[in-house]
Amino acid sequence: MKAYFITATDTDAGKTFISTQLLSYWHAQGYKALGFKPVASGCQQTEQGLRNDDAVQIQAASNVSLAYETINPYAFVPAIAPHIAAEQAGVHINLTRITQTILAYQSQVDRLLVEGVGGWAVPLNQTESVAELAKALGFPVILLVKLQLGCINQALLSAQAILHSGVKIAGWIANNCHKNTVMQSQDETILAIQQRLEAPLLGVIPYVSEQDNFLISDYIDLE
């Protein structure tokens, strides 16, 4: 069984897109693939309860059927930092509850993926952050680097913090999130990160406008 924790250098870096693409790829390969989005802000009230679009996509891409509340146990309406949203809702985000739920399914699937919220240091409560959640799970981290001005610093600091937490970095992915544009000096920027980050570059993702025609295996070394 392979399990990974997905984090990023910034918000809106494409974590959910990469997560769902990986889950769909594993599904196509015949694996039992399961994804979690344990904490999510920016949810909408529906007839079924609070729903987050990222978590809904992850649930749909998984081929192991679980209740939405299992995949996303902490859902908040305001699109703000999760610990602030939790405080406003009178909720304490319990990392032990999250890890026990996820690890209970570890032996039942072939591929397991957990998507973080925001970046590595985002607080989840008054004393714990995304870093503590990932460390408690113990899964290797895939770091998604949002290609933009300043991403060299963001990538290296994020990697440094991940390693300082005692968590292994499985690799990093460079993602172009800018519609119809390519970052100026993109190749040189990727090379600069690659030369300084002690983890393999798994692939470079172009901006994707038509997701139906996208195959992640064309861009990422999934082995």
N, C-alpha and C. Protein backbone atom coordinates (compact mmCIF):
# COMPACT_ATOMS: atom_id res chain seq x y z
N MET A 1 0.85 -1.18 0.00
CA MET A 1 0.00 0.00 0.00
C MET A 1 0.88 1.24 0.00
N LYS A 2 0.54 2.16 -0.89
CA LYS A 2 1.24 3.43 -0.94
C LYS A 2 0.32 4.54 -0.47
N ALA A 3 0.85 5.42 0.36
CA ALA A 3 0.06 6.54 0.87
C ALA A 3 0.89 7.81 0.77
N TYR A 4 0.22 8.91 0.49
CA TYR A 4 0.90 10.19 0.34
C TYR A 4 0.09 11.31 0.98
N PHE A 5 0.80 12.33 1.40
CA PHE A 5 0.17 13.56 1.90
C PHE A 5 0.52 14.66 0.90
N ILE A 6 -0.50 15.35 0.39
CA ILE A 6 -0.29 16.41 -0.60
C ILE A 6 -0.34 17.76 0.09
N THR A 7 0.72 18.55 -0.05
CA THR A 7 0.73 19.92 0.43
C THR A 7 1.26 20.81 -0.68
N ALA A 8 1.25 22.12 -0.43
CA ALA A 8 1.65 23.05 -1.49
C ALA A 8 2.35 24.26 -0.90
N THR A 9 2.98 25.01 -1.78
CA THR A 9 3.68 26.23 -1.37
C THR A 9 2.73 27.39 -1.14
N ASP A 10 1.48 27.26 -1.57
CA ASP A 10 0.55 28.38 -1.51
C ASP A 10 -0.87 27.82 -1.64
N THR A 11 -1.84 28.65 -1.34
CA THR A 11 -3.22 28.26 -1.59
C THR A 11 -3.51 28.37 -3.08
N ASP A 12 -4.54 27.67 -3.54
CA ASP A 12 -4.91 27.65 -4.96
C ASP A 12 -3.73 27.25 -5.85
N ALA A 13 -2.99 26.27 -5.39
CA ALA A 13 -1.84 25.79 -6.15
C ALA A 13 -2.17 24.58 -7.01
N GLY A 14 -3.42 24.07 -6.90
CA GLY A 14 -3.81 22.93 -7.71
C GLY A 14 -3.75 21.60 -6.97
N LYS A 15 -3.79 21.63 -5.64
CA LYS A 15 -3.71 20.38 -4.87
C LYS A 15 -4.82 19.42 -5.24
N THR A 16 -6.04 19.95 -5.33
CA THR A 16 -7.18 19.07 -5.61
C THR A 16 -7.10 18.50 -7.02
N PHE A 17 -6.67 19.31 -7.97
CA PHE A 17 -6.53 18.81 -9.35
C PHE A 17 -5.53 17.65 -9.39
N ILE A 18 -4.38 17.82 -8.76
CA ILE A 18 -3.38 16.76 -8.74
C ILE A 18 -3.90 15.55 -7.97
N SER A 19 -4.56 15.80 -6.84
CA SER A 19 -5.09 14.69 -6.03
C SER A 19 -6.08 13.85 -6.81
N THR A 20 -7.04 14.52 -7.47
CA THR A 20 -8.06 13.77 -8.21
C THR A 20 -7.47 13.07 -9.43
N GLN A 21 -6.49 13.68 -10.05
CA GLN A 21 -5.84 13.04 -11.19
C GLN A 21 -5.08 11.78 -10.75
N LEU A 22 -4.40 11.85 -9.62
CA LEU A 22 -3.70 10.68 -9.11
C LEU A 22 -4.69 9.57 -8.74
N LEU A 23 -5.76 9.93 -8.07
CA LEU A 23 -6.76 8.93 -7.70
C LEU A 23 -7.38 8.27 -8.94
N SER A 24 -7.67 9.08 -9.94
CA SER A 24 -8.26 8.54 -11.18
C SER A 24 -7.27 7.62 -11.90
N TYR A 25 -6.00 8.02 -11.90
CA TYR A 25 -4.97 7.18 -12.54
C TYR A 25 -4.87 5.83 -11.83
N TRP A 26 -4.81 5.86 -10.50
CA TRP A 26 -4.70 4.60 -9.75
C TRP A 26 -5.94 3.73 -9.95
N HIS A 27 -7.10 4.37 -10.01
CA HIS A 27 -8.34 3.64 -10.28
C HIS A 27 -8.23 2.93 -11.62
N ALA A 28 -7.75 3.64 -12.63
CA ALA A 28 -7.62 3.07 -13.97
C ALA A 28 -6.62 1.92 -14.00
N GLN A 29 -5.66 1.94 -13.08
CA GLN A 29 -4.67 0.87 -13.01
C GLN A 29 -5.17 -0.34 -12.22
N GLY A 30 -6.39 -0.25 -11.72
CA GLY A 30 -6.98 -1.38 -11.02
C GLY A 30 -6.77 -1.39 -9.52
N TYR A 31 -6.27 -0.29 -8.98
CA TYR A 31 -6.04 -0.19 -7.54
C TYR A 31 -7.29 0.30 -6.81
N LYS A 32 -7.43 -0.11 -5.57
CA LYS A 32 -8.40 0.53 -4.68
C LYS A 32 -7.77 1.83 -4.20
N ALA A 33 -8.35 2.96 -4.62
CA ALA A 33 -7.75 4.27 -4.34
C ALA A 33 -8.72 5.12 -3.52
N LEU A 34 -8.21 5.70 -2.44
CA LEU A 34 -9.06 6.46 -1.53
C LEU A 34 -8.39 7.77 -1.16
N GLY A 35 -9.15 8.85 -1.23
CA GLY A 35 -8.64 10.16 -0.87
C GLY A 35 -9.42 10.80 0.27
N PHE A 36 -8.73 11.64 1.03
CA PHE A 36 -9.33 12.38 2.13
C PHE A 36 -9.00 13.86 2.01
N LYS A 37 -9.93 14.70 2.41
CA LYS A 37 -9.72 16.14 2.58
C LYS A 37 -10.24 16.45 3.98
N PRO A 38 -9.45 16.18 5.02
CA PRO A 38 -9.98 16.21 6.38
C PRO A 38 -10.45 17.57 6.87
N VAL A 39 -9.83 18.64 6.37
CA VAL A 39 -10.22 19.98 6.81
C VAL A 39 -10.43 20.86 5.59
N ALA A 40 -11.56 21.56 5.54
CA ALA A 40 -11.86 22.40 4.39
C ALA A 40 -12.64 23.64 4.81
N SER A 41 -12.17 24.80 4.34
CA SER A 41 -12.91 26.05 4.49
C SER A 41 -13.56 26.37 3.15
N GLY A 42 -14.47 27.33 3.16
CA GLY A 42 -15.14 27.71 1.92
C GLY A 42 -16.15 26.69 1.47
N CYS A 43 -16.98 26.22 2.39
CA CYS A 43 -18.00 25.21 2.07
C CYS A 43 -19.35 25.88 1.82
N GLN A 44 -20.20 25.14 1.11
CA GLN A 44 -21.55 25.63 0.83
C GLN A 44 -22.57 24.75 1.56
N GLN A 45 -23.64 25.40 2.02
CA GLN A 45 -24.72 24.66 2.67
C GLN A 45 -25.59 24.01 1.60
N THR A 46 -25.80 22.71 1.68
CA THR A 46 -26.64 21.97 0.74
C THR A 46 -27.70 21.19 1.52
N GLU A 47 -28.56 20.52 0.80
CA GLU A 47 -29.58 19.70 1.45
C GLU A 47 -28.95 18.55 2.25
N GLN A 48 -27.76 18.15 1.84
CA GLN A 48 -27.06 17.07 2.53
C GLN A 48 -26.18 17.58 3.67
N GLY A 49 -26.05 18.90 3.79
CA GLY A 49 -25.17 19.48 4.80
C GLY A 49 -24.07 20.29 4.14
N LEU A 50 -23.08 20.69 4.91
CA LEU A 50 -21.98 21.48 4.35
C LEU A 50 -21.16 20.63 3.38
N ARG A 51 -20.86 21.21 2.24
CA ARG A 51 -20.07 20.52 1.23
C ARG A 51 -18.98 21.45 0.68
N ASN A 52 -17.78 20.90 0.55
CA ASN A 52 -16.65 21.61 -0.04
C ASN A 52 -16.37 21.02 -1.41
N ASP A 53 -16.21 21.88 -2.41
CA ASP A 53 -16.06 21.39 -3.77
C ASP A 53 -14.82 20.50 -3.93
N ASP A 54 -13.72 20.87 -3.26
CA ASP A 54 -12.51 20.05 -3.35
C ASP A 54 -12.76 18.66 -2.79
N ALA A 55 -13.40 18.60 -1.62
CA ALA A 55 -13.67 17.31 -0.99
C ALA A 55 -14.64 16.48 -1.82
N VAL A 56 -15.62 17.14 -2.43
CA VAL A 56 -16.57 16.43 -3.29
C VAL A 56 -15.85 15.80 -4.47
N GLN A 57 -14.91 16.54 -5.06
CA GLN A 57 -14.14 16.01 -6.19
C GLN A 57 -13.29 14.82 -5.77
N ILE A 58 -12.68 14.92 -4.60
CA ILE A 58 -11.85 13.82 -4.10
C ILE A 58 -12.70 12.59 -3.82
N GLN A 59 -13.88 12.80 -3.24
CA GLN A 59 -14.80 11.69 -2.99
C GLN A 59 -15.19 11.02 -4.31
N ALA A 60 -15.47 11.82 -5.34
CA ALA A 60 -15.89 11.28 -6.63
C ALA A 60 -14.75 10.53 -7.32
N ALA A 61 -13.52 10.97 -7.13
CA ALA A 61 -12.37 10.33 -7.79
C ALA A 61 -11.94 9.05 -7.10
N SER A 62 -12.35 8.86 -5.85
CA SER A 62 -12.01 7.64 -5.12
C SER A 62 -12.94 6.52 -5.57
N ASN A 63 -12.38 5.32 -5.66
CA ASN A 63 -13.24 4.19 -6.03
C ASN A 63 -13.55 3.30 -4.83
N VAL A 64 -13.34 3.85 -3.64
CA VAL A 64 -13.78 3.24 -2.39
C VAL A 64 -14.84 4.17 -1.82
N SER A 65 -16.03 3.69 -1.65
CA SER A 65 -17.16 4.54 -1.27
C SER A 65 -17.20 4.77 0.24
N LEU A 66 -17.08 6.04 0.63
CA LEU A 66 -17.20 6.43 2.04
C LEU A 66 -18.15 7.61 2.14
N ALA A 67 -18.75 7.78 3.29
CA ALA A 67 -19.61 8.93 3.53
C ALA A 67 -18.80 10.21 3.42
N TYR A 68 -19.44 11.27 2.94
CA TYR A 68 -18.74 12.54 2.79
C TYR A 68 -18.13 12.98 4.12
N GLU A 69 -18.85 12.81 5.21
CA GLU A 69 -18.38 13.26 6.52
C GLU A 69 -17.14 12.51 6.98
N THR A 70 -16.90 11.34 6.40
CA THR A 70 -15.67 10.61 6.72
C THR A 70 -14.50 11.19 5.96
N ILE A 71 -14.73 11.55 4.72
CA ILE A 71 -13.67 12.12 3.89
C ILE A 71 -13.34 13.55 4.32
N ASN A 72 -14.36 14.29 4.72
CA ASN A 72 -14.17 15.69 5.13
C ASN A 72 -14.91 15.93 6.46
N PRO A 73 -14.30 15.51 7.57
CA PRO A 73 -14.97 15.63 8.86
C PRO A 73 -15.08 17.06 9.40
N TYR A 74 -14.19 17.95 8.93
CA TYR A 74 -14.23 19.34 9.41
C TYR A 74 -14.46 20.26 8.22
N ALA A 75 -15.69 20.77 8.12
CA ALA A 75 -16.10 21.63 7.01
C ALA A 75 -16.63 22.95 7.57
N PHE A 76 -16.16 24.06 6.98
CA PHE A 76 -16.54 25.38 7.47
C PHE A 76 -16.95 26.28 6.31
N VAL A 77 -17.91 27.14 6.56
CA VAL A 77 -18.45 28.00 5.50
C VAL A 77 -17.48 29.08 5.06
N PRO A 78 -16.93 29.90 5.95
CA PRO A 78 -16.09 31.01 5.47
C PRO A 78 -14.79 30.52 4.83
N ALA A 79 -14.41 31.16 3.74
CA ALA A 79 -13.16 30.80 3.04
C ALA A 79 -12.01 31.55 3.70
N ILE A 80 -11.71 31.15 4.92
CA ILE A 80 -10.65 31.78 5.70
C ILE A 80 -9.79 30.68 6.31
N ALA A 81 -8.74 31.09 7.03
CA ALA A 81 -7.87 30.11 7.67
C ALA A 81 -8.71 29.16 8.52
N PRO A 82 -8.46 27.85 8.42
CA PRO A 82 -9.35 26.87 9.07
C PRO A 82 -9.43 27.01 10.59
N HIS A 83 -8.35 27.38 11.25
CA HIS A 83 -8.43 27.49 12.71
C HIS A 83 -9.32 28.66 13.12
N ILE A 84 -9.34 29.72 12.30
CA ILE A 84 -10.22 30.86 12.58
C ILE A 84 -11.67 30.46 12.32
N ALA A 85 -11.89 29.77 11.20
CA ALA A 85 -13.24 29.31 10.88
C ALA A 85 -13.76 28.36 11.96
N ALA A 86 -12.88 27.50 12.46
CA ALA A 86 -13.28 26.55 13.50
C ALA A 86 -13.64 27.29 14.79
N GLU A 87 -12.82 28.28 15.15
CA GLU A 87 -13.11 29.06 16.36
C GLU A 87 -14.45 29.77 16.24
N GLN A 88 -14.72 30.34 15.08
CA GLN A 88 -15.99 31.03 14.87
C GLN A 88 -17.17 30.08 14.96
N ALA A 89 -16.95 28.82 14.57
CA ALA A 89 -18.02 27.82 14.61
C ALA A 89 -18.10 27.10 15.95
N GLY A 90 -17.17 27.41 16.85
CA GLY A 90 -17.14 26.74 18.15
C GLY A 90 -16.70 25.30 18.08
N VAL A 91 -15.82 25.02 17.12
CA VAL A 91 -15.36 23.64 16.88
C VAL A 91 -13.85 23.55 17.12
N HIS A 92 -13.42 22.47 17.74
CA HIS A 92 -12.00 22.19 17.89
C HIS A 92 -11.59 21.11 16.89
N ILE A 93 -10.64 21.41 16.02
CA ILE A 93 -10.16 20.42 15.04
C ILE A 93 -9.25 19.44 15.77
N ASN A 94 -9.71 18.22 15.88
CA ASN A 94 -9.03 17.17 16.64
C ASN A 94 -8.19 16.30 15.70
N LEU A 95 -6.88 16.45 15.77
CA LEU A 95 -6.01 15.71 14.87
C LEU A 95 -6.00 14.22 15.16
N THR A 96 -6.19 13.85 16.42
CA THR A 96 -6.25 12.42 16.76
C THR A 96 -7.44 11.76 16.08
N ARG A 97 -8.56 12.44 16.10
CA ARG A 97 -9.76 11.91 15.43
C ARG A 97 -9.50 11.73 13.94
N ILE A 98 -8.84 12.72 13.31
CA ILE A 98 -8.57 12.65 11.87
C ILE A 98 -7.65 11.47 11.56
N THR A 99 -6.54 11.38 12.29
CA THR A 99 -5.55 10.34 11.98
C THR A 99 -6.11 8.95 12.24
N GLN A 100 -6.87 8.78 13.31
CA GLN A 100 -7.45 7.46 13.60
C GLN A 100 -8.40 7.02 12.49
N THR A 101 -9.20 7.97 11.98
CA THR A 101 -10.13 7.64 10.90
C THR A 101 -9.38 7.23 9.64
N ILE A 102 -8.38 8.02 9.26
CA ILE A 102 -7.65 7.74 8.02
C ILE A 102 -6.87 6.43 8.13
N LEU A 103 -6.16 6.25 9.22
CA LEU A 103 -5.32 5.06 9.37
C LEU A 103 -6.15 3.78 9.47
N ALA A 104 -7.41 3.91 9.88
CA ALA A 104 -8.28 2.74 9.96
C ALA A 104 -8.54 2.14 8.58
N TYR A 105 -8.43 2.96 7.53
CA TYR A 105 -8.67 2.49 6.16
C TYR A 105 -7.38 2.12 5.43
N GLN A 106 -6.25 2.35 6.06
CA GLN A 106 -4.97 2.16 5.39
C GLN A 106 -4.78 0.74 4.86
N SER A 107 -5.18 -0.24 5.65
CA SER A 107 -4.97 -1.64 5.25
C SER A 107 -6.04 -2.14 4.28
N GLN A 108 -7.05 -1.31 4.01
CA GLN A 108 -8.17 -1.74 3.16
C GLN A 108 -8.04 -1.28 1.71
N VAL A 109 -7.03 -0.47 1.42
CA VAL A 109 -6.88 0.08 0.07
C VAL A 109 -5.46 -0.13 -0.43
N ASP A 110 -5.28 0.09 -1.74
CA ASP A 110 -3.95 -0.03 -2.35
C ASP A 110 -3.22 1.30 -2.40
N ARG A 111 -4.00 2.38 -2.58
CA ARG A 111 -3.43 3.73 -2.67
C ARG A 111 -4.28 4.66 -1.80
N LEU A 112 -3.61 5.45 -0.97
CA LEU A 112 -4.31 6.36 -0.08
C LEU A 112 -3.66 7.73 -0.18
N LEU A 113 -4.49 8.74 -0.27
CA LEU A 113 -3.99 10.10 -0.45
C LEU A 113 -4.74 11.05 0.47
N VAL A 114 -4.01 11.93 1.14
CA VAL A 114 -4.60 12.93 2.03
C VAL A 114 -4.19 14.31 1.54
N GLU A 115 -5.18 15.14 1.28
CA GLU A 115 -4.89 16.51 0.83
C GLU A 115 -4.95 17.47 2.01
N GLY A 116 -3.89 18.24 2.17
CA GLY A 116 -3.85 19.24 3.23
C GLY A 116 -4.71 20.44 2.88
N VAL A 117 -4.61 21.47 3.71
CA VAL A 117 -5.35 22.71 3.48
C VAL A 117 -4.33 23.84 3.48
N GLY A 118 -4.35 24.67 2.43
CA GLY A 118 -3.36 25.73 2.33
C GLY A 118 -1.96 25.16 2.22
N GLY A 119 -1.03 25.71 2.98
CA GLY A 119 0.36 25.26 2.96
C GLY A 119 0.73 24.49 4.22
N TRP A 120 2.02 24.20 4.36
CA TRP A 120 2.52 23.33 5.41
C TRP A 120 2.33 23.89 6.82
N ALA A 121 2.44 25.19 6.98
CA ALA A 121 2.40 25.78 8.32
C ALA A 121 1.03 26.33 8.71
N VAL A 122 0.01 26.07 7.90
CA VAL A 122 -1.33 26.59 8.20
C VAL A 122 -1.83 26.01 9.53
N PRO A 123 -2.23 26.86 10.48
CA PRO A 123 -2.73 26.35 11.77
C PRO A 123 -4.06 25.62 11.61
N LEU A 124 -4.25 24.57 12.41
CA LEU A 124 -5.52 23.85 12.45
C LEU A 124 -6.25 24.06 13.77
N ASN A 125 -5.49 24.39 14.79
CA ASN A 125 -6.05 24.79 16.08
C ASN A 125 -5.01 25.67 16.77
N GLN A 126 -5.16 25.92 18.04
CA GLN A 126 -4.27 26.86 18.72
C GLN A 126 -2.83 26.34 18.87
N THR A 127 -2.65 25.04 18.78
CA THR A 127 -1.31 24.48 19.02
C THR A 127 -0.78 23.62 17.89
N GLU A 128 -1.64 23.26 16.93
CA GLU A 128 -1.22 22.31 15.89
C GLU A 128 -1.53 22.85 14.49
N SER A 129 -0.73 22.39 13.54
CA SER A 129 -0.86 22.86 12.16
C SER A 129 -0.93 21.68 11.21
N VAL A 130 -0.98 21.98 9.92
CA VAL A 130 -0.93 20.94 8.89
C VAL A 130 0.29 20.05 9.09
N ALA A 131 1.39 20.64 9.50
CA ALA A 131 2.63 19.87 9.72
C ALA A 131 2.42 18.76 10.74
N GLU A 132 1.74 19.06 11.85
CA GLU A 132 1.50 18.04 12.88
C GLU A 132 0.58 16.94 12.37
N LEU A 133 -0.38 17.31 11.53
CA LEU A 133 -1.27 16.30 10.96
C LEU A 133 -0.49 15.34 10.07
N ALA A 134 0.33 15.90 9.19
CA ALA A 134 1.12 15.07 8.28
C ALA A 134 2.10 14.19 9.06
N LYS A 135 2.70 14.75 10.10
CA LYS A 135 3.65 13.98 10.90
C LYS A 135 2.95 12.84 11.62
N ALA A 136 1.74 13.11 12.12
CA ALA A 136 0.99 12.06 12.83
C ALA A 136 0.62 10.91 11.89
N LEU A 137 0.31 11.24 10.64
CA LEU A 137 -0.02 10.21 9.66
C LEU A 137 1.23 9.45 9.23
N GLY A 138 2.33 10.16 9.08
CA GLY A 138 3.58 9.52 8.71
C GLY A 138 3.73 9.20 7.24
N PHE A 139 2.87 9.76 6.40
CA PHE A 139 2.95 9.48 4.96
C PHE A 139 4.01 10.38 4.30
N PRO A 140 4.70 9.88 3.29
CA PRO A 140 5.60 10.75 2.53
C PRO A 140 4.81 11.89 1.89
N VAL A 141 5.46 13.04 1.79
CA VAL A 141 4.80 14.24 1.29
C VAL A 141 5.12 14.49 -0.18
N ILE A 142 4.09 14.83 -0.94
CA ILE A 142 4.28 15.37 -2.28
C ILE A 142 4.05 16.87 -2.18
N LEU A 143 5.07 17.64 -2.52
CA LEU A 143 5.01 19.10 -2.44
C LEU A 143 4.68 19.68 -3.80
N LEU A 144 3.58 20.39 -3.87
CA LEU A 144 3.15 21.02 -5.11
C LEU A 144 3.63 22.47 -5.10
N VAL A 145 4.43 22.82 -6.10
CA VAL A 145 5.00 24.17 -6.19
C VAL A 145 4.21 24.98 -7.22
N LYS A 146 3.57 26.02 -6.77
CA LYS A 146 2.83 26.91 -7.66
C LYS A 146 3.81 27.83 -8.36
N LEU A 147 3.91 27.69 -9.68
CA LEU A 147 4.89 28.47 -10.44
C LEU A 147 4.45 29.93 -10.52
N GLN A 148 5.16 30.77 -9.81
CA GLN A 148 4.88 32.20 -9.78
C GLN A 148 6.12 32.90 -9.24
N LEU A 149 6.16 34.20 -9.37
CA LEU A 149 7.28 34.96 -8.83
C LEU A 149 7.37 34.72 -7.33
N GLY A 150 8.55 34.34 -6.87
CA GLY A 150 8.74 34.05 -5.45
C GLY A 150 8.68 32.58 -5.10
N CYS A 151 8.40 31.73 -6.10
CA CYS A 151 8.19 30.31 -5.78
C CYS A 151 9.48 29.58 -5.41
N ILE A 152 10.63 30.10 -5.80
CA ILE A 152 11.89 29.45 -5.39
C ILE A 152 11.99 29.51 -3.87
N ASN A 153 11.80 30.69 -3.33
CA ASN A 153 11.84 30.87 -1.88
C ASN A 153 10.75 30.04 -1.20
N GLN A 154 9.54 30.07 -1.75
CA GLN A 154 8.43 29.32 -1.16
C GLN A 154 8.71 27.82 -1.15
N ALA A 155 9.25 27.32 -2.26
CA ALA A 155 9.53 25.89 -2.37
C ALA A 155 10.61 25.45 -1.40
N LEU A 156 11.69 26.20 -1.33
CA LEU A 156 12.81 25.81 -0.49
C LEU A 156 12.46 25.92 0.99
N LEU A 157 11.74 26.97 1.38
CA LEU A 157 11.33 27.10 2.77
C LEU A 157 10.33 26.02 3.16
N SER A 158 9.40 25.71 2.25
CA SER A 158 8.43 24.64 2.53
C SER A 158 9.14 23.31 2.70
N ALA A 159 10.05 23.01 1.81
CA ALA A 159 10.80 21.74 1.89
C ALA A 159 11.61 21.67 3.18
N GLN A 160 12.23 22.78 3.53
CA GLN A 160 13.01 22.84 4.77
C GLN A 160 12.12 22.56 5.98
N ALA A 161 10.93 23.15 5.99
CA ALA A 161 10.01 22.95 7.11
C ALA A 161 9.51 21.51 7.16
N ILE A 162 9.24 20.92 6.00
CA ILE A 162 8.77 19.53 5.96
C ILE A 162 9.83 18.60 6.53
N LEU A 163 11.06 18.76 6.07
CA LEU A 163 12.14 17.90 6.55
C LEU A 163 12.41 18.13 8.03
N HIS A 164 12.28 19.39 8.47
CA HIS A 164 12.48 19.70 9.89
C HIS A 164 11.43 19.01 10.75
N SER A 165 10.27 18.77 10.19
CA SER A 165 9.20 18.07 10.90
C SER A 165 9.46 16.57 11.01
N GLY A 166 10.49 16.10 10.32
CA GLY A 166 10.82 14.69 10.36
C GLY A 166 10.02 13.85 9.38
N VAL A 167 9.45 14.51 8.37
CA VAL A 167 8.64 13.83 7.37
C VAL A 167 9.42 13.73 6.06
N LYS A 168 9.31 12.61 5.39
CA LYS A 168 10.00 12.41 4.12
C LYS A 168 9.26 13.10 2.99
N ILE A 169 10.01 13.69 2.07
CA ILE A 169 9.43 14.27 0.86
C ILE A 169 9.57 13.24 -0.27
N ALA A 170 8.44 12.74 -0.73
CA ALA A 170 8.48 11.76 -1.82
C ALA A 170 8.94 12.43 -3.12
N GLY A 171 8.61 13.70 -3.29
CA GLY A 171 8.99 14.44 -4.48
C GLY A 171 8.18 15.72 -4.58
N TRP A 172 8.49 16.51 -5.60
CA TRP A 172 7.75 17.76 -5.78
C TRP A 172 7.30 17.88 -7.23
N ILE A 173 6.21 18.62 -7.39
CA ILE A 173 5.60 18.83 -8.70
C ILE A 173 5.52 20.32 -8.97
N ALA A 174 5.93 20.75 -10.14
CA ALA A 174 5.80 22.15 -10.54
C ALA A 174 4.50 22.31 -11.32
N ASN A 175 3.67 23.27 -10.90
CA ASN A 175 2.36 23.42 -11.52
C ASN A 175 2.16 24.84 -12.03
N ASN A 176 1.83 24.95 -13.31
CA ASN A 176 1.55 26.25 -13.93
C ASN A 176 0.05 26.51 -13.79
N CYS A 177 -0.30 27.41 -12.89
CA CYS A 177 -1.72 27.70 -12.61
C CYS A 177 -2.25 28.90 -13.36
N HIS A 178 -1.42 29.52 -14.21
CA HIS A 178 -1.80 30.78 -14.84
C HIS A 178 -2.35 30.53 -16.25
N LYS A 179 -3.57 30.94 -16.46
CA LYS A 179 -4.26 30.70 -17.72
C LYS A 179 -3.58 31.42 -18.88
N ASN A 180 -3.32 30.65 -19.94
CA ASN A 180 -2.79 31.18 -21.20
C ASN A 180 -1.44 31.87 -21.08
N THR A 181 -0.74 31.64 -19.97
CA THR A 181 0.58 32.25 -19.82
C THR A 181 1.56 31.22 -19.28
N VAL A 182 2.83 31.47 -19.52
CA VAL A 182 3.90 30.67 -18.94
C VAL A 182 4.74 31.62 -18.11
N MET A 183 5.09 31.22 -16.93
CA MET A 183 5.90 32.05 -16.05
C MET A 183 7.18 32.47 -16.75
N GLN A 184 7.54 33.73 -16.60
CA GLN A 184 8.79 34.21 -17.19
C GLN A 184 9.97 33.44 -16.60
N SER A 185 10.85 32.95 -17.46
CA SER A 185 12.02 32.16 -17.05
C SER A 185 11.60 30.92 -16.26
N GLN A 186 10.53 30.28 -16.71
CA GLN A 186 10.01 29.12 -15.98
C GLN A 186 11.02 27.98 -15.89
N ASP A 187 11.66 27.66 -17.00
CA ASP A 187 12.62 26.55 -17.00
C ASP A 187 13.77 26.82 -16.03
N GLU A 188 14.26 28.07 -16.05
CA GLU A 188 15.36 28.42 -15.15
C GLU A 188 14.93 28.38 -13.69
N THR A 189 13.68 28.76 -13.44
CA THR A 189 13.14 28.73 -12.08
C THR A 189 13.04 27.29 -11.57
N ILE A 190 12.51 26.42 -12.41
CA ILE A 190 12.39 25.01 -12.03
C ILE A 190 13.77 24.40 -11.78
N LEU A 191 14.72 24.74 -12.64
CA LEU A 191 16.08 24.22 -12.47
C LEU A 191 16.69 24.71 -11.16
N ALA A 192 16.46 25.97 -10.81
CA ALA A 192 17.00 26.52 -9.56
C ALA A 192 16.46 25.76 -8.36
N ILE A 193 15.18 25.43 -8.38
CA ILE A 193 14.60 24.66 -7.29
C ILE A 193 15.16 23.24 -7.28
N GLN A 194 15.24 22.67 -8.45
CA GLN A 194 15.71 21.29 -8.60
C GLN A 194 17.14 21.13 -8.06
N GLN A 195 17.97 22.13 -8.29
CA GLN A 195 19.37 22.07 -7.85
C GLN A 195 19.51 22.20 -6.34
N ARG A 196 18.50 22.77 -5.69
CA ARG A 196 18.61 23.09 -4.27
C ARG A 196 17.70 22.26 -3.36
N LEU A 197 16.75 21.58 -3.93
CA LEU A 197 15.79 20.81 -3.14
C LEU A 197 16.17 19.34 -3.20
N GLU A 198 16.42 18.76 -2.04
CA GLU A 198 16.88 17.37 -1.98
C GLU A 198 15.70 16.40 -2.04
N ALA A 199 14.98 16.48 -3.13
CA ALA A 199 13.86 15.57 -3.40
C ALA A 199 13.65 15.57 -4.90
N PRO A 200 13.20 14.47 -5.48
CA PRO A 200 13.08 14.39 -6.93
C PRO A 200 11.95 15.26 -7.48
N LEU A 201 12.20 15.85 -8.63
CA LEU A 201 11.14 16.52 -9.39
C LEU A 201 10.32 15.44 -10.08
N LEU A 202 9.06 15.32 -9.71
CA LEU A 202 8.20 14.28 -10.27
C LEU A 202 7.64 14.65 -11.63
N GLY A 203 7.51 15.97 -11.87
CA GLY A 203 6.98 16.39 -13.17
C GLY A 203 6.60 17.86 -13.17
N VAL A 204 6.34 18.35 -14.38
CA VAL A 204 5.91 19.74 -14.58
C VAL A 204 4.55 19.71 -15.26
N ILE A 205 3.56 20.35 -14.62
CA ILE A 205 2.19 20.34 -15.13
C ILE A 205 1.90 21.66 -15.84
N PRO A 206 1.48 21.62 -17.09
CA PRO A 206 1.11 22.85 -17.78
C PRO A 206 -0.26 23.33 -17.31
N TYR A 207 -0.63 24.55 -17.68
CA TYR A 207 -1.98 24.99 -17.36
C TYR A 207 -2.96 24.11 -18.14
N VAL A 208 -3.98 23.62 -17.44
CA VAL A 208 -4.93 22.70 -18.04
C VAL A 208 -6.30 23.37 -18.10
N SER A 209 -6.80 23.57 -19.32
CA SER A 209 -8.13 24.17 -19.47
C SER A 209 -9.19 23.10 -19.72
N GLU A 210 -8.80 22.03 -20.39
CA GLU A 210 -9.73 20.93 -20.66
C GLU A 210 -9.25 19.69 -19.92
N GLN A 211 -9.78 19.49 -18.71
CA GLN A 211 -9.30 18.42 -17.86
C GLN A 211 -9.65 17.04 -18.40
N ASP A 212 -10.69 16.95 -19.22
CA ASP A 212 -11.11 15.65 -19.73
C ASP A 212 -10.05 15.02 -20.62
N ASN A 213 -9.23 15.86 -21.25
CA ASN A 213 -8.21 15.35 -22.16
C ASN A 213 -6.84 15.25 -21.51
N PHE A 214 -6.78 15.48 -20.22
CA PHE A 214 -5.50 15.49 -19.52
C PHE A 214 -5.20 14.13 -18.92
N LEU A 215 -3.98 13.65 -19.13
CA LEU A 215 -3.52 12.41 -18.53
C LEU A 215 -2.29 12.72 -17.70
N ILE A 216 -2.41 12.58 -16.39
CA ILE A 216 -1.31 12.94 -15.51
C ILE A 216 -0.07 12.09 -15.77
N SER A 217 -0.29 10.88 -16.26
CA SER A 217 0.85 10.00 -16.53
C SER A 217 1.72 10.52 -17.67
N ASP A 218 1.20 11.48 -18.47
CA ASP A 218 2.01 12.09 -19.53
C ASP A 218 3.01 13.10 -18.98
N TYR A 219 2.81 13.52 -17.74
CA TYR A 219 3.63 14.61 -17.19
C TYR A 219 4.37 14.26 -15.92
N ILE A 220 3.95 13.20 -15.24
CA ILE A 220 4.54 12.85 -13.95
C ILE A 220 5.04 11.41 -13.96
N ASP A 221 6.21 11.22 -13.37
CA ASP A 221 6.75 9.88 -13.17
C ASP A 221 6.07 9.29 -11.95
N LEU A 222 5.06 8.47 -12.15
CA LEU A 222 4.26 7.97 -11.05
C LEU A 222 4.89 6.79 -10.32
N GLU A 223 6.07 6.39 -10.74
CA GLU A 223 6.77 5.32 -10.04
C GLU A 223 7.80 5.88 -9.07
